[in-house]
Amino acid sequence: MSTSSTTGHAVPEQVDVLQRRAFALGAAGLIASLIGALVSPTQFFHSYLFAFLFWNGIAIGCLSLLMIQHLTGGRWGLATMCIGVGQGIATVIERIDG
């Protein structure tokens, strides 16, 4: 725990390692995308549009559910997660007002 964040809390060493790996993976993905754009621009832009719409659909859907939760004053929420093929788990989340 040598590194400290802007708030003064100690950051574990694992976070630094994960950040470096994520940066390297992102750089590799960017290089692969640029190569794909040069090789087949039509396929690249179709794939990019599909991925953009897919991930934005998930984000906007989650945002709308969160807004409904806050507007109705819901105290309890249910989160469902997919662990693997056909497996699932659910967890109950309680909002605590400070």
N, C-alpha and C. Protein backbone atom coordinates (compact mmCIF):
# COMPACT_ATOMS: atom_id res chain seq x y z
N MET A 1 0.83 -1.19 0.00
CA MET A 1 0.00 0.00 0.00
C MET A 1 0.87 1.24 0.00
N SER A 2 1.58 1.42 -1.07
CA SER A 2 2.50 2.55 -1.12
C SER A 2 1.91 3.77 -1.80
N THR A 3 1.04 3.55 -2.76
CA THR A 3 0.48 4.66 -3.51
C THR A 3 -0.72 5.23 -2.78
N SER A 4 -0.90 6.53 -2.84
CA SER A 4 -2.08 7.11 -2.22
C SER A 4 -2.88 7.85 -3.28
N SER A 5 -4.19 7.85 -3.12
CA SER A 5 -5.07 8.50 -4.08
C SER A 5 -5.20 9.98 -3.71
N THR A 6 -6.04 10.69 -4.44
CA THR A 6 -6.22 12.12 -4.20
C THR A 6 -6.90 12.41 -2.88
N THR A 7 -7.61 11.41 -2.34
CA THR A 7 -8.30 11.63 -1.06
C THR A 7 -7.42 11.27 0.13
N GLY A 8 -6.22 10.75 -0.13
CA GLY A 8 -5.31 10.44 0.96
C GLY A 8 -5.41 9.01 1.45
N HIS A 9 -6.29 8.20 0.88
CA HIS A 9 -6.40 6.81 1.28
C HIS A 9 -5.37 5.98 0.54
N ALA A 10 -4.87 4.97 1.18
CA ALA A 10 -3.87 4.10 0.57
C ALA A 10 -4.53 3.22 -0.50
N VAL A 11 -3.86 3.09 -1.64
CA VAL A 11 -4.35 2.26 -2.74
C VAL A 11 -3.53 0.98 -2.75
N PRO A 12 -4.19 -0.18 -2.78
CA PRO A 12 -3.44 -1.44 -2.80
C PRO A 12 -2.60 -1.57 -4.08
N GLU A 13 -1.52 -2.32 -3.97
CA GLU A 13 -0.62 -2.54 -5.12
C GLU A 13 -1.34 -3.26 -6.25
N GLN A 14 -2.32 -4.12 -5.92
CA GLN A 14 -3.04 -4.85 -6.95
C GLN A 14 -3.77 -3.92 -7.91
N VAL A 15 -4.22 -2.78 -7.41
CA VAL A 15 -4.93 -1.82 -8.26
C VAL A 15 -3.99 -1.27 -9.32
N ASP A 16 -2.76 -0.98 -8.94
CA ASP A 16 -1.77 -0.47 -9.89
C ASP A 16 -1.49 -1.50 -10.97
N VAL A 17 -1.36 -2.75 -10.57
CA VAL A 17 -1.11 -3.82 -11.53
C VAL A 17 -2.30 -3.97 -12.47
N LEU A 18 -3.50 -3.94 -11.93
CA LEU A 18 -4.70 -4.06 -12.75
C LEU A 18 -4.84 -2.87 -13.71
N GLN A 19 -4.48 -1.68 -13.27
CA GLN A 19 -4.55 -0.52 -14.14
C GLN A 19 -3.57 -0.65 -15.31
N ARG A 20 -2.38 -1.14 -15.04
CA ARG A 20 -1.40 -1.32 -16.11
C ARG A 20 -1.87 -2.37 -17.11
N ARG A 21 -2.41 -3.47 -16.60
CA ARG A 21 -2.92 -4.52 -17.49
C ARG A 21 -4.10 -4.03 -18.31
N ALA A 22 -5.00 -3.27 -17.69
CA ALA A 22 -6.15 -2.74 -18.42
C ALA A 22 -5.71 -1.75 -19.49
N PHE A 23 -4.71 -0.94 -19.19
CA PHE A 23 -4.19 0.00 -20.18
C PHE A 23 -3.56 -0.75 -21.35
N ALA A 24 -2.78 -1.79 -21.06
CA ALA A 24 -2.15 -2.57 -22.12
C ALA A 24 -3.20 -3.27 -22.98
N LEU A 25 -4.23 -3.81 -22.34
CA LEU A 25 -5.31 -4.47 -23.07
C LEU A 25 -6.07 -3.47 -23.94
N GLY A 26 -6.34 -2.28 -23.40
CA GLY A 26 -7.01 -1.24 -24.17
C GLY A 26 -6.18 -0.79 -25.36
N ALA A 27 -4.87 -0.65 -25.16
CA ALA A 27 -3.98 -0.27 -26.26
C ALA A 27 -3.95 -1.35 -27.33
N ALA A 28 -3.91 -2.61 -26.93
CA ALA A 28 -3.93 -3.72 -27.89
C ALA A 28 -5.25 -3.73 -28.66
N GLY A 29 -6.35 -3.48 -27.98
CA GLY A 29 -7.65 -3.40 -28.65
C GLY A 29 -7.73 -2.26 -29.64
N LEU A 30 -7.15 -1.12 -29.26
CA LEU A 30 -7.13 0.03 -30.17
C LEU A 30 -6.30 -0.27 -31.41
N ILE A 31 -5.16 -0.91 -31.25
CA ILE A 31 -4.32 -1.26 -32.39
C ILE A 31 -5.04 -2.27 -33.28
N ALA A 32 -5.70 -3.27 -32.67
CA ALA A 32 -6.45 -4.25 -33.45
C ALA A 32 -7.60 -3.58 -34.20
N SER A 33 -8.25 -2.61 -33.57
CA SER A 33 -9.33 -1.88 -34.24
C SER A 33 -8.82 -1.07 -35.41
N LEU A 34 -7.68 -0.42 -35.24
CA LEU A 34 -7.11 0.35 -36.35
C LEU A 34 -6.71 -0.55 -37.51
N ILE A 35 -6.14 -1.70 -37.20
CA ILE A 35 -5.80 -2.66 -38.26
C ILE A 35 -7.07 -3.13 -38.97
N GLY A 36 -8.11 -3.44 -38.20
CA GLY A 36 -9.38 -3.85 -38.79
C GLY A 36 -10.00 -2.76 -39.65
N ALA A 37 -9.86 -1.50 -39.22
CA ALA A 37 -10.40 -0.39 -40.00
C ALA A 37 -9.66 -0.22 -41.32
N LEU A 38 -8.36 -0.51 -41.32
CA LEU A 38 -7.58 -0.40 -42.55
C LEU A 38 -7.84 -1.57 -43.50
N VAL A 39 -8.04 -2.76 -42.94
CA VAL A 39 -8.26 -3.95 -43.76
C VAL A 39 -9.65 -3.96 -44.38
N SER A 40 -10.68 -3.74 -43.56
CA SER A 40 -12.06 -3.78 -44.05
C SER A 40 -12.87 -2.69 -43.34
N PRO A 41 -12.89 -1.49 -43.91
CA PRO A 41 -13.60 -0.39 -43.25
C PRO A 41 -15.09 -0.64 -43.06
N THR A 42 -15.73 -1.27 -44.04
CA THR A 42 -17.18 -1.51 -43.93
C THR A 42 -17.49 -2.43 -42.76
N GLN A 43 -16.76 -3.53 -42.65
CA GLN A 43 -16.97 -4.46 -41.54
C GLN A 43 -16.63 -3.80 -40.20
N PHE A 44 -15.58 -3.00 -40.17
CA PHE A 44 -15.19 -2.32 -38.94
C PHE A 44 -16.30 -1.41 -38.45
N PHE A 45 -16.86 -0.60 -39.35
CA PHE A 45 -17.89 0.34 -38.92
C PHE A 45 -19.20 -0.37 -38.55
N HIS A 46 -19.52 -1.48 -39.21
CA HIS A 46 -20.69 -2.25 -38.81
C HIS A 46 -20.49 -2.83 -37.41
N SER A 47 -19.31 -3.38 -37.17
CA SER A 47 -19.01 -3.96 -35.85
C SER A 47 -18.98 -2.88 -34.77
N TYR A 48 -18.38 -1.75 -35.10
CA TYR A 48 -18.31 -0.64 -34.14
C TYR A 48 -19.70 -0.14 -33.77
N LEU A 49 -20.56 0.02 -34.78
CA LEU A 49 -21.92 0.49 -34.53
C LEU A 49 -22.69 -0.50 -33.68
N PHE A 50 -22.55 -1.80 -33.98
CA PHE A 50 -23.25 -2.82 -33.19
C PHE A 50 -22.80 -2.78 -31.74
N ALA A 51 -21.48 -2.74 -31.51
CA ALA A 51 -20.96 -2.71 -30.14
C ALA A 51 -21.39 -1.44 -29.41
N PHE A 52 -21.36 -0.31 -30.12
CA PHE A 52 -21.77 0.97 -29.53
C PHE A 52 -23.23 0.91 -29.08
N LEU A 53 -24.10 0.43 -29.95
CA LEU A 53 -25.53 0.35 -29.61
C LEU A 53 -25.78 -0.67 -28.51
N PHE A 54 -25.08 -1.79 -28.54
CA PHE A 54 -25.26 -2.82 -27.52
C PHE A 54 -24.91 -2.30 -26.14
N TRP A 55 -23.71 -1.74 -25.97
CA TRP A 55 -23.28 -1.29 -24.65
C TRP A 55 -24.02 -0.04 -24.20
N ASN A 56 -24.37 0.84 -25.11
CA ASN A 56 -25.18 1.99 -24.71
C ASN A 56 -26.59 1.58 -24.32
N GLY A 57 -27.12 0.55 -24.98
CA GLY A 57 -28.44 0.04 -24.59
C GLY A 57 -28.45 -0.48 -23.17
N ILE A 58 -27.40 -1.19 -22.80
CA ILE A 58 -27.30 -1.70 -21.43
C ILE A 58 -27.17 -0.55 -20.44
N ALA A 59 -26.31 0.43 -20.76
CA ALA A 59 -26.10 1.56 -19.84
C ALA A 59 -27.36 2.40 -19.68
N ILE A 60 -28.04 2.69 -20.78
CA ILE A 60 -29.25 3.52 -20.70
C ILE A 60 -30.37 2.76 -20.01
N GLY A 61 -30.46 1.45 -20.24
CA GLY A 61 -31.47 0.64 -19.55
C GLY A 61 -31.25 0.63 -18.05
N CYS A 62 -30.00 0.48 -17.63
CA CYS A 62 -29.69 0.49 -16.19
C CYS A 62 -29.95 1.87 -15.59
N LEU A 63 -29.62 2.91 -16.35
CA LEU A 63 -29.86 4.26 -15.87
C LEU A 63 -31.35 4.52 -15.67
N SER A 64 -32.17 4.04 -16.61
CA SER A 64 -33.61 4.26 -16.47
C SER A 64 -34.16 3.49 -15.26
N LEU A 65 -33.67 2.29 -15.02
CA LEU A 65 -34.11 1.55 -13.84
C LEU A 65 -33.69 2.25 -12.55
N LEU A 66 -32.50 2.81 -12.54
CA LEU A 66 -32.04 3.54 -11.37
C LEU A 66 -32.87 4.80 -11.15
N MET A 67 -33.22 5.50 -12.23
CA MET A 67 -34.04 6.70 -12.10
C MET A 67 -35.43 6.36 -11.57
N ILE A 68 -36.02 5.26 -12.04
CA ILE A 68 -37.32 4.83 -11.53
C ILE A 68 -37.21 4.49 -10.05
N GLN A 69 -36.11 3.84 -9.66
CA GLN A 69 -35.89 3.50 -8.25
C GLN A 69 -35.88 4.77 -7.39
N HIS A 70 -35.17 5.80 -7.85
CA HIS A 70 -35.07 7.03 -7.07
C HIS A 70 -36.38 7.83 -7.11
N LEU A 71 -37.05 7.86 -8.25
CA LEU A 71 -38.30 8.62 -8.35
C LEU A 71 -39.41 8.04 -7.48
N THR A 72 -39.46 6.72 -7.40
CA THR A 72 -40.51 6.11 -6.59
C THR A 72 -40.12 6.01 -5.12
N GLY A 73 -38.89 6.39 -4.81
CA GLY A 73 -38.46 6.34 -3.41
C GLY A 73 -38.23 4.93 -2.92
N GLY A 74 -37.90 4.05 -3.84
CA GLY A 74 -37.69 2.65 -3.47
C GLY A 74 -36.52 2.48 -2.53
N ARG A 75 -36.74 1.69 -1.52
CA ARG A 75 -35.68 1.45 -0.55
C ARG A 75 -34.91 0.18 -0.88
N TRP A 76 -35.61 -0.80 -1.42
CA TRP A 76 -34.99 -2.08 -1.73
C TRP A 76 -34.88 -2.23 -3.23
N GLY A 77 -33.78 -2.85 -3.67
CA GLY A 77 -33.59 -3.15 -5.08
C GLY A 77 -33.14 -4.59 -5.23
N LEU A 78 -33.33 -5.13 -6.42
CA LEU A 78 -32.94 -6.50 -6.71
C LEU A 78 -32.00 -6.48 -7.90
N ALA A 79 -30.84 -7.03 -7.74
CA ALA A 79 -29.88 -7.12 -8.84
C ALA A 79 -29.72 -8.58 -9.21
N THR A 80 -29.89 -8.88 -10.49
CA THR A 80 -29.68 -10.24 -10.97
C THR A 80 -28.42 -10.26 -11.81
N MET A 81 -27.64 -11.31 -11.66
CA MET A 81 -26.37 -11.40 -12.36
C MET A 81 -26.24 -12.78 -12.98
N CYS A 82 -25.64 -12.82 -14.14
CA CYS A 82 -25.36 -14.09 -14.82
C CYS A 82 -23.92 -14.49 -14.49
N ILE A 83 -23.77 -15.64 -13.88
CA ILE A 83 -22.44 -16.11 -13.50
C ILE A 83 -21.81 -16.89 -14.64
N GLY A 84 -22.56 -17.72 -15.26
CA GLY A 84 -22.03 -18.55 -16.34
C GLY A 84 -23.17 -18.97 -17.24
N VAL A 85 -22.98 -20.06 -17.93
CA VAL A 85 -24.01 -20.53 -18.85
C VAL A 85 -25.16 -21.11 -18.04
N GLY A 86 -26.27 -20.42 -18.04
CA GLY A 86 -27.46 -20.91 -17.38
C GLY A 86 -27.50 -20.74 -15.88
N GLN A 87 -26.44 -20.24 -15.30
CA GLN A 87 -26.44 -20.05 -13.85
C GLN A 87 -26.79 -18.59 -13.57
N GLY A 88 -27.39 -18.35 -12.49
CA GLY A 88 -27.72 -16.98 -12.13
C GLY A 88 -27.71 -16.79 -10.63
N ILE A 89 -27.65 -15.56 -10.22
CA ILE A 89 -27.65 -15.24 -8.81
C ILE A 89 -28.41 -13.93 -8.65
N ALA A 90 -29.04 -13.76 -7.54
CA ALA A 90 -29.74 -12.52 -7.26
C ALA A 90 -29.31 -12.01 -5.90
N THR A 91 -29.24 -10.71 -5.79
CA THR A 91 -28.87 -10.10 -4.52
C THR A 91 -29.81 -8.95 -4.24
N VAL A 92 -30.12 -8.75 -2.99
CA VAL A 92 -31.01 -7.68 -2.59
C VAL A 92 -30.16 -6.53 -2.06
N ILE A 93 -30.45 -5.33 -2.52
CA ILE A 93 -29.69 -4.15 -2.13
C ILE A 93 -30.61 -3.18 -1.43
N GLU A 94 -30.19 -2.68 -0.27
CA GLU A 94 -30.98 -1.71 0.49
C GLU A 94 -30.31 -0.36 0.44
N ARG A 95 -31.11 0.68 0.14
CA ARG A 95 -30.58 2.03 0.13
C ARG A 95 -30.68 2.59 1.55
N ILE A 96 -29.57 3.10 2.04
CA ILE A 96 -29.53 3.68 3.38
C ILE A 96 -29.23 5.16 3.23
N ASP A 97 -30.15 5.99 3.66
CA ASP A 97 -29.94 7.44 3.60
C ASP A 97 -29.12 7.87 4.79
N GLY A 98 -28.02 8.56 4.47
CA GLY A 98 -27.09 8.96 5.53
C GLY A 98 -27.61 10.09 6.28
